[in-house]
Amino acid sequence: MADIATHRHDATHIVWDWNGTLLDDNHANIAAVNRICAEFGRDPVDLEYWRSVFRRPLLSCYEELLGRCFIDGEWQRLNNAYERCYDTLLPSCELAEGATEALRAWPEAGRSQSLLSMASHDGLVPLVDERGLTHHFTRIDGRRFDATHDSKAEHLAAHLQAQEIDPATAVLIGDIDDDAHAAHAVGAHAILVTTGMMARWRLEATGYPVADTVTEAVARLGAGVG
């Protein structure tokens, strides 16, 4: 995998992930997970544990968390419980350290960037806009459709195609291994950050570069931040 891990100084477009990457929402995520645990009679978990097991597909991940399969209606009940708790804490979520500077530095270097999240599209767009970030991106996409597999890959393909961007010139910066898998599936590159929902050792196992901050991730692409 040595060729995967090389830095891409020829990249001209960044596709940013949102949750756990540009948005520091770990405390809201773990609170929502523990709301689910309470709802389904499981002991609470800490962030370190969740970062060691979290994955897509989400269904199997939560079945492992709760130790059983879901019956009719329970998956929707779980999602409703998660969203109520997360949405309550969302106003307390700040941008990740260095995010504003990173978003400014990349286009100043003459390159472009867009935003792709697996969060609901209708919820994502106003959230980004109210934080004054919309102008940084050539396109903003949340989850607009249900993919065949619970992965970002199909969404990334559609996101790049809509912008007529060659995947070979694009880098996806995200916080979980599914971001790496999605990039690989479409022929793009990836840099993974340790700021979100997945432990460093799991990110490193993808073979892609791993950075501790979004500032470091952009610097690896040859754009200075500061």
Protein backbone atom coordinates (compact mmCIF):
# COMPACT_ATOMS: atom_id res chain seq x y z
CA MET A 1 0.00 0.00 0.00
CA ALA A 2 2.99 2.33 -0.21
CA ASP A 3 1.61 3.99 -3.32
CA ILE A 4 -1.64 4.78 -1.52
CA ALA A 5 0.12 6.49 1.35
CA THR A 6 2.08 8.96 -0.78
CA HIS A 7 1.16 12.61 -0.39
CA ARG A 8 -0.73 14.17 -3.29
CA HIS A 9 0.83 17.53 -4.04
CA ASP A 10 -0.85 17.44 -7.47
CA ALA A 11 -4.36 17.49 -6.00
CA THR A 12 -6.50 20.42 -7.10
CA HIS A 13 -9.75 19.70 -5.24
CA ILE A 14 -10.58 18.76 -1.64
CA VAL A 15 -13.85 17.05 -0.74
CA TRP A 16 -14.38 17.76 2.94
CA ASP A 17 -16.31 15.57 5.33
CA TRP A 18 -18.38 17.44 7.92
CA ASN A 19 -19.06 15.56 11.18
CA GLY A 20 -15.86 14.82 13.08
CA THR A 21 -13.76 16.56 10.44
CA LEU A 22 -14.77 20.20 10.03
CA LEU A 23 -17.29 20.04 12.89
CA ASP A 24 -16.13 19.02 16.37
CA ASP A 25 -19.21 17.10 17.46
CA ASN A 26 -17.76 14.13 19.35
CA HIS A 27 -19.46 15.07 22.60
CA ALA A 28 -22.85 15.25 20.86
CA ASN A 29 -22.28 11.93 19.12
CA ILE A 30 -21.33 10.01 22.24
CA ALA A 31 -24.19 11.56 24.19
CA ALA A 32 -26.59 10.43 21.46
CA VAL A 33 -25.09 6.93 21.47
CA ASN A 34 -25.61 6.74 25.21
CA ARG A 35 -29.18 7.96 24.79
CA ILE A 36 -29.65 4.89 22.58
CA CYS A 37 -28.01 2.69 25.20
CA ALA A 38 -30.44 3.97 27.82
CA GLU A 39 -33.38 3.54 25.45
CA PHE A 40 -32.49 -0.10 24.79
CA GLY A 41 -31.28 -1.08 28.25
CA ARG A 42 -27.53 -1.15 27.68
CA ASP A 43 -24.85 0.30 29.94
CA PRO A 44 -23.33 3.56 28.67
CA VAL A 45 -20.06 3.56 26.72
CA ASP A 46 -17.20 6.04 26.60
CA LEU A 47 -15.77 7.77 23.54
CA GLU A 48 -12.64 5.60 23.44
CA TYR A 49 -14.75 2.44 23.21
CA TRP A 50 -17.04 3.90 20.55
CA ARG A 51 -14.09 5.02 18.44
CA SER A 52 -12.81 1.44 18.52
CA VAL A 53 -16.04 -0.13 17.23
CA PHE A 54 -17.90 2.51 15.20
CA ARG A 55 -18.23 1.63 11.52
CA ARG A 56 -20.51 1.51 8.53
CA PRO A 57 -22.89 -0.15 7.85
CA LEU A 58 -24.51 1.49 10.86
CA LEU A 59 -27.14 -1.23 11.28
CA SER A 60 -24.64 -3.96 12.08
CA CYS A 61 -22.61 -1.55 14.20
CA TYR A 62 -25.56 -0.79 16.46
CA GLU A 63 -26.63 -4.41 16.57
CA GLU A 64 -23.15 -5.19 17.92
CA LEU A 65 -23.44 -2.35 20.43
CA LEU A 66 -26.78 -3.63 21.76
CA GLY A 67 -25.96 -7.31 21.43
CA ARG A 68 -28.96 -8.28 19.34
CA CYS A 69 -30.78 -7.82 16.05
CA PHE A 70 -33.52 -5.24 15.66
CA ILE A 71 -37.17 -6.15 15.33
CA ASP A 72 -39.82 -4.20 13.40
CA GLY A 73 -39.78 -0.49 14.15
CA GLU A 74 -36.73 -0.54 16.40
CA TRP A 75 -34.26 0.83 13.87
CA GLN A 76 -36.46 3.89 13.35
CA ARG A 77 -36.89 4.20 17.12
CA LEU A 78 -33.09 4.15 17.48
CA ASN A 79 -32.63 6.83 14.82
CA ASN A 80 -35.27 9.04 16.39
CA ALA A 81 -33.64 8.76 19.82
CA TYR A 82 -30.23 9.58 18.37
CA GLU A 83 -31.42 12.58 16.40
CA ARG A 84 -33.37 14.10 19.32
CA CYS A 85 -30.33 13.99 21.57
CA TYR A 86 -27.81 15.05 18.90
CA ASP A 87 -29.95 17.96 17.70
CA THR A 88 -30.27 19.26 21.27
CA LEU A 89 -26.47 19.41 21.59
CA LEU A 90 -25.71 20.58 18.04
CA PRO A 91 -25.67 24.31 18.95
CA SER A 92 -22.80 23.58 21.35
CA CYS A 93 -20.65 22.03 18.59
CA GLU A 94 -17.83 24.27 17.39
CA LEU A 95 -15.78 24.06 14.23
CA ALA A 96 -12.72 21.86 14.53
CA GLU A 97 -9.48 23.56 15.52
CA GLY A 98 -7.93 25.16 12.47
CA ALA A 99 -10.93 24.52 10.22
CA THR A 100 -11.56 28.16 9.33
CA GLU A 101 -7.90 28.71 8.42
CA ALA A 102 -7.74 25.48 6.41
CA LEU A 103 -10.85 26.40 4.42
CA ARG A 104 -9.32 29.76 3.61
CA ALA A 105 -5.82 28.52 2.76
CA TRP A 106 -6.75 25.98 0.11
CA PRO A 107 -8.55 28.32 -2.33
CA GLU A 108 -5.90 30.97 -1.70
CA ALA A 109 -3.51 28.44 -3.24
CA GLY A 110 -5.68 28.51 -6.39
CA ARG A 111 -7.57 25.28 -5.73
CA SER A 112 -11.19 24.33 -5.09
CA GLN A 113 -13.09 22.52 -2.37
CA SER A 114 -16.52 21.09 -1.72
CA LEU A 115 -18.40 19.47 1.16
CA LEU A 116 -19.90 15.98 1.25
CA SER A 117 -21.58 14.52 4.32
CA MET A 118 -23.66 11.47 5.11
CA ALA A 119 -25.87 13.70 7.23
CA SER A 120 -29.27 14.61 5.82
CA HIS A 121 -28.91 17.12 2.98
CA ASP A 122 -31.83 19.25 4.16
CA GLY A 123 -30.31 19.51 7.61
CA LEU A 124 -26.73 20.05 6.48
CA VAL A 125 -27.15 22.98 4.09
CA PRO A 126 -28.69 25.48 6.56
CA LEU A 127 -26.26 24.36 9.28
CA VAL A 128 -23.27 25.17 7.08
CA ASP A 129 -24.86 28.42 5.93
CA GLU A 130 -25.63 29.71 9.42
CA ARG A 131 -21.97 29.22 10.33
CA GLY A 132 -20.97 31.44 7.42
CA LEU A 133 -19.12 28.71 5.51
CA THR A 134 -21.18 28.25 2.34
CA HIS A 135 -19.02 30.55 0.22
CA HIS A 136 -15.98 28.33 0.76
CA PHE A 137 -17.46 25.43 -1.22
CA THR A 138 -18.16 24.85 -4.90
CA ARG A 139 -20.88 22.37 -3.90
CA ILE A 140 -22.47 21.10 -0.67
CA ASP A 141 -24.08 17.68 -0.57
CA GLY A 142 -25.58 15.82 2.32
CA ARG A 143 -27.21 12.42 1.94
CA ARG A 144 -29.56 12.96 -0.99
CA PHE A 145 -30.43 9.31 -1.67
CA ASP A 146 -30.26 5.84 -0.14
CA ALA A 147 -27.21 4.04 -1.49
CA THR A 148 -27.07 0.33 -2.23
CA HIS A 149 -24.60 -0.02 0.63
CA ASP A 150 -24.38 2.19 3.69
CA SER A 151 -21.21 3.86 2.43
CA LYS A 152 -20.11 7.23 1.12
CA ALA A 153 -18.78 5.73 -2.14
CA GLU A 154 -21.87 6.19 -4.31
CA HIS A 155 -22.44 9.65 -2.86
CA LEU A 156 -18.85 10.64 -3.60
CA ALA A 157 -19.12 9.44 -7.19
CA ALA A 158 -22.28 11.51 -7.70
CA HIS A 159 -20.75 14.52 -5.93
CA LEU A 160 -17.70 14.60 -8.18
CA GLN A 161 -19.66 13.85 -11.35
CA ALA A 162 -22.03 16.75 -10.67
CA GLN A 163 -19.00 19.06 -10.62
CA GLU A 164 -17.25 17.38 -13.57
CA ILE A 165 -14.20 16.78 -11.37
CA ASP A 166 -11.74 14.07 -12.29
CA PRO A 167 -11.48 11.82 -9.19
CA ALA A 168 -7.74 11.48 -9.76
CA THR A 169 -7.36 15.19 -8.89
CA ALA A 170 -9.51 15.00 -5.75
CA VAL A 171 -8.68 14.29 -2.11
CA LEU A 172 -11.34 13.34 0.41
CA ILE A 173 -10.52 14.49 3.95
CA GLY A 174 -12.56 12.58 6.51
CA ASP A 175 -12.49 10.93 9.91
CA ILE A 176 -13.46 7.28 9.38
CA ASP A 177 -12.27 4.38 7.27
CA ASP A 178 -15.38 4.55 5.07
CA ASP A 179 -14.01 7.85 3.74
CA ALA A 180 -10.90 5.97 2.63
CA HIS A 181 -12.95 3.15 1.12
CA ALA A 182 -15.12 5.67 -0.76
CA ALA A 183 -12.10 7.48 -2.17
CA HIS A 184 -10.51 4.23 -3.27
CA ALA A 185 -13.75 3.08 -4.92
CA VAL A 186 -13.96 6.15 -7.18
CA GLY A 187 -10.24 6.58 -7.86
CA ALA A 188 -9.68 9.57 -5.58
CA HIS A 189 -7.18 10.00 -2.77
CA ALA A 190 -7.84 10.41 0.95
CA ILE A 191 -6.31 11.85 4.08
CA LEU A 192 -7.87 10.80 7.36
CA VAL A 193 -7.96 12.89 10.53
CA THR A 194 -7.96 11.55 14.09
CA THR A 195 -10.40 14.19 15.34
CA GLY A 196 -13.60 12.21 14.87
CA MET A 197 -15.29 8.87 15.40
CA MET A 198 -12.48 6.40 14.71
CA ALA A 199 -9.29 5.47 16.53
CA ARG A 200 -5.94 6.23 14.90
CA TRP A 201 -4.94 2.57 14.55
CA ARG A 202 -8.09 1.87 12.54
CA LEU A 203 -7.42 4.83 10.25
CA GLU A 204 -3.81 3.77 9.75
CA ALA A 205 -4.96 0.28 8.78
CA THR A 206 -6.44 1.74 5.56
CA GLY A 207 -2.97 2.57 4.26
CA TYR A 208 -3.87 6.21 3.69
CA PRO A 209 -2.11 9.16 5.35
CA VAL A 210 -3.40 10.06 8.81
CA ALA A 211 -3.24 13.59 10.27
CA ASP A 212 -4.07 14.84 13.75
CA THR A 213 -5.76 18.04 12.56
CA VAL A 214 -7.33 19.46 9.42
CA THR A 215 -4.46 21.97 9.39
CA GLU A 216 -1.97 19.13 9.11
CA ALA A 217 -4.08 17.42 6.45
CA VAL A 218 -4.05 20.50 4.20
CA ALA A 219 -0.35 21.07 4.84
CA ARG A 220 0.33 17.52 3.59
CA LEU A 221 -1.16 18.63 0.29
CA GLY A 222 1.30 21.46 -0.04
CA ALA A 223 -0.90 24.35 1.10
CA GLY A 224 0.33 26.32 4.07
CA VAL A 225 -2.16 27.29 6.79
CA GLY A 226 -1.65 30.29 8.98
